[in-house]
Structures are given as C-alpha cells and as structure tokens.
Amino acid sequence: MLEGISFSFLPFNWSGVSGVSDKLMTLLTLVLLLSLRQGAHSIRETALSRHA
C-alpha cells in the first residue's frame, strides 16, 4: 500500500525567502513612516487648536 510513496527533500532555496522578507520589511518601513507622519500632523493640529 505504501510502496509507491516517495519523498523528495530538495535543498531549500533561501534566496526566495530573502526576497520575500525584503519586500515585507520595505512595506513595514513605509507603513511605519506614514504613521509617524500622521502622528506628527495630529500633534501639530492639537497644538494649533489649543492656541486658537
């Protein structure tokens, strides 16, 4: 019953993992930079509304 089953353990290609992780880290960096910009904008608006 199990005679026809074979497993092929090929070497893992880490260059693909590296490319995917580079793209994810770039996306995460962009999201964090946008959130910092939005936070600075929010702080600026709060300061302006206090002094109005």
N, C-alpha and C. Protein backbone atom coordinates (compact mmCIF):
# COMPACT_ATOMS: atom_id res chain seq x y z
N MET A 1 0.82 -1.19 0.00
CA MET A 1 0.00 0.00 0.00
C MET A 1 0.87 1.26 0.00
N LEU A 2 1.95 1.28 0.74
CA LEU A 2 2.80 2.46 0.83
C LEU A 2 4.06 2.35 -0.02
N GLU A 3 4.15 1.37 -0.92
CA GLU A 3 5.36 1.19 -1.71
C GLU A 3 5.57 2.30 -2.73
N GLY A 4 4.51 2.88 -3.25
CA GLY A 4 4.62 3.89 -4.30
C GLY A 4 4.86 5.30 -3.79
N ILE A 5 4.89 5.49 -2.49
CA ILE A 5 5.06 6.83 -1.93
C ILE A 5 6.54 7.11 -1.73
N SER A 6 6.99 8.23 -2.27
CA SER A 6 8.38 8.64 -2.06
C SER A 6 8.41 10.13 -1.76
N PHE A 7 9.34 10.53 -0.96
CA PHE A 7 9.50 11.93 -0.60
C PHE A 7 10.79 12.46 -1.21
N SER A 8 10.71 13.67 -1.72
CA SER A 8 11.89 14.31 -2.30
C SER A 8 12.24 15.53 -1.46
N PHE A 9 13.32 15.43 -0.73
CA PHE A 9 13.77 16.54 0.11
C PHE A 9 14.83 17.33 -0.64
N LEU A 10 14.38 18.30 -1.40
CA LEU A 10 15.31 19.13 -2.15
C LEU A 10 15.91 20.18 -1.24
N PRO A 11 17.09 20.69 -1.58
CA PRO A 11 17.65 21.78 -0.77
C PRO A 11 16.74 23.00 -0.80
N PHE A 12 16.60 23.63 0.34
CA PHE A 12 15.70 24.78 0.44
C PHE A 12 16.36 26.00 -0.18
N ASN A 13 15.61 26.75 -0.96
CA ASN A 13 16.13 27.93 -1.65
C ASN A 13 15.90 29.16 -0.78
N TRP A 14 16.94 29.61 -0.09
CA TRP A 14 16.81 30.74 0.83
C TRP A 14 16.76 32.07 0.11
N SER A 15 17.17 32.14 -1.14
CA SER A 15 17.13 33.42 -1.86
C SER A 15 15.69 33.88 -2.07
N GLY A 16 14.78 32.97 -2.26
CA GLY A 16 13.37 33.33 -2.38
C GLY A 16 12.82 33.88 -1.08
N VAL A 17 13.20 33.26 0.03
CA VAL A 17 12.76 33.72 1.34
C VAL A 17 13.32 35.11 1.61
N SER A 18 14.57 35.32 1.22
CA SER A 18 15.21 36.62 1.42
C SER A 18 14.49 37.70 0.63
N GLY A 19 14.12 37.41 -0.60
CA GLY A 19 13.40 38.39 -1.42
C GLY A 19 12.05 38.74 -0.84
N VAL A 20 11.33 37.74 -0.38
CA VAL A 20 10.01 37.98 0.21
C VAL A 20 10.15 38.78 1.49
N SER A 21 11.13 38.44 2.32
CA SER A 21 11.30 39.18 3.58
C SER A 21 11.75 40.62 3.31
N ASP A 22 12.55 40.84 2.27
CA ASP A 22 12.94 42.21 1.91
C ASP A 22 11.73 43.04 1.53
N LYS A 23 10.83 42.45 0.75
CA LYS A 23 9.62 43.18 0.34
C LYS A 23 8.73 43.47 1.55
N LEU A 24 8.59 42.50 2.45
CA LEU A 24 7.76 42.72 3.64
C LEU A 24 8.36 43.79 4.55
N MET A 25 9.67 43.79 4.70
CA MET A 25 10.32 44.79 5.55
C MET A 25 10.21 46.18 4.93
N THR A 26 10.29 46.27 3.60
CA THR A 26 10.11 47.56 2.93
C THR A 26 8.70 48.08 3.14
N LEU A 27 7.72 47.20 3.00
CA LEU A 27 6.32 47.59 3.22
C LEU A 27 6.10 48.02 4.67
N LEU A 28 6.67 47.28 5.61
CA LEU A 28 6.53 47.63 7.02
C LEU A 28 7.18 48.98 7.31
N THR A 29 8.34 49.25 6.72
CA THR A 29 9.01 50.53 6.92
C THR A 29 8.17 51.67 6.38
N LEU A 30 7.57 51.49 5.21
CA LEU A 30 6.72 52.53 4.64
C LEU A 30 5.51 52.80 5.52
N VAL A 31 4.89 51.75 6.04
CA VAL A 31 3.73 51.92 6.91
C VAL A 31 4.13 52.66 8.19
N LEU A 32 5.28 52.31 8.75
CA LEU A 32 5.72 52.99 9.97
C LEU A 32 6.06 54.45 9.71
N LEU A 33 6.68 54.75 8.57
CA LEU A 33 6.98 56.14 8.24
C LEU A 33 5.70 56.95 8.04
N LEU A 34 4.71 56.35 7.39
CA LEU A 34 3.43 57.05 7.21
C LEU A 34 2.74 57.28 8.55
N SER A 35 2.83 56.32 9.45
CA SER A 35 2.19 56.50 10.76
C SER A 35 2.91 57.58 11.57
N LEU A 36 4.24 57.68 11.45
CA LEU A 36 4.96 58.76 12.12
C LEU A 36 4.56 60.12 11.56
N ARG A 37 4.41 60.18 10.25
CA ARG A 37 3.99 61.44 9.62
C ARG A 37 2.59 61.83 10.07
N GLN A 38 1.69 60.85 10.13
CA GLN A 38 0.33 61.12 10.57
C GLN A 38 0.30 61.55 12.03
N GLY A 39 1.13 60.92 12.86
CA GLY A 39 1.20 61.31 14.26
C GLY A 39 1.72 62.73 14.44
N ALA A 40 2.74 63.11 13.67
CA ALA A 40 3.26 64.48 13.74
C ALA A 40 2.20 65.48 13.30
N HIS A 41 1.45 65.13 12.27
CA HIS A 41 0.37 66.00 11.79
C HIS A 41 -0.71 66.16 12.86
N SER A 42 -1.04 65.07 13.52
CA SER A 42 -2.05 65.11 14.58
C SER A 42 -1.58 65.96 15.76
N ILE A 43 -0.32 65.82 16.14
CA ILE A 43 0.22 66.64 17.24
C ILE A 43 0.21 68.11 16.86
N ARG A 44 0.56 68.42 15.63
CA ARG A 44 0.56 69.81 15.16
C ARG A 44 -0.84 70.39 15.20
N GLU A 45 -1.84 69.62 14.76
CA GLU A 45 -3.22 70.10 14.80
C GLU A 45 -3.70 70.32 16.23
N THR A 46 -3.31 69.43 17.13
CA THR A 46 -3.70 69.57 18.53
C THR A 46 -3.09 70.83 19.13
N ALA A 47 -1.83 71.09 18.83
CA ALA A 47 -1.17 72.29 19.35
C ALA A 47 -1.82 73.55 18.79
N LEU A 48 -2.19 73.54 17.52
CA LEU A 48 -2.84 74.71 16.93
C LEU A 48 -4.23 74.94 17.53
N SER A 49 -4.96 73.87 17.80
CA SER A 49 -6.30 74.05 18.36
C SER A 49 -6.25 74.53 19.81
N ARG A 50 -5.19 74.21 20.53
CA ARG A 50 -5.05 74.70 21.91
C ARG A 50 -4.79 76.19 21.94
N HIS A 51 -4.04 76.68 20.97
CA HIS A 51 -3.67 78.09 20.95
C HIS A 51 -4.64 78.95 20.17
N ALA A 52 -5.73 78.36 19.73
CA ALA A 52 -6.70 79.13 18.94
C ALA A 52 -7.53 80.05 19.81
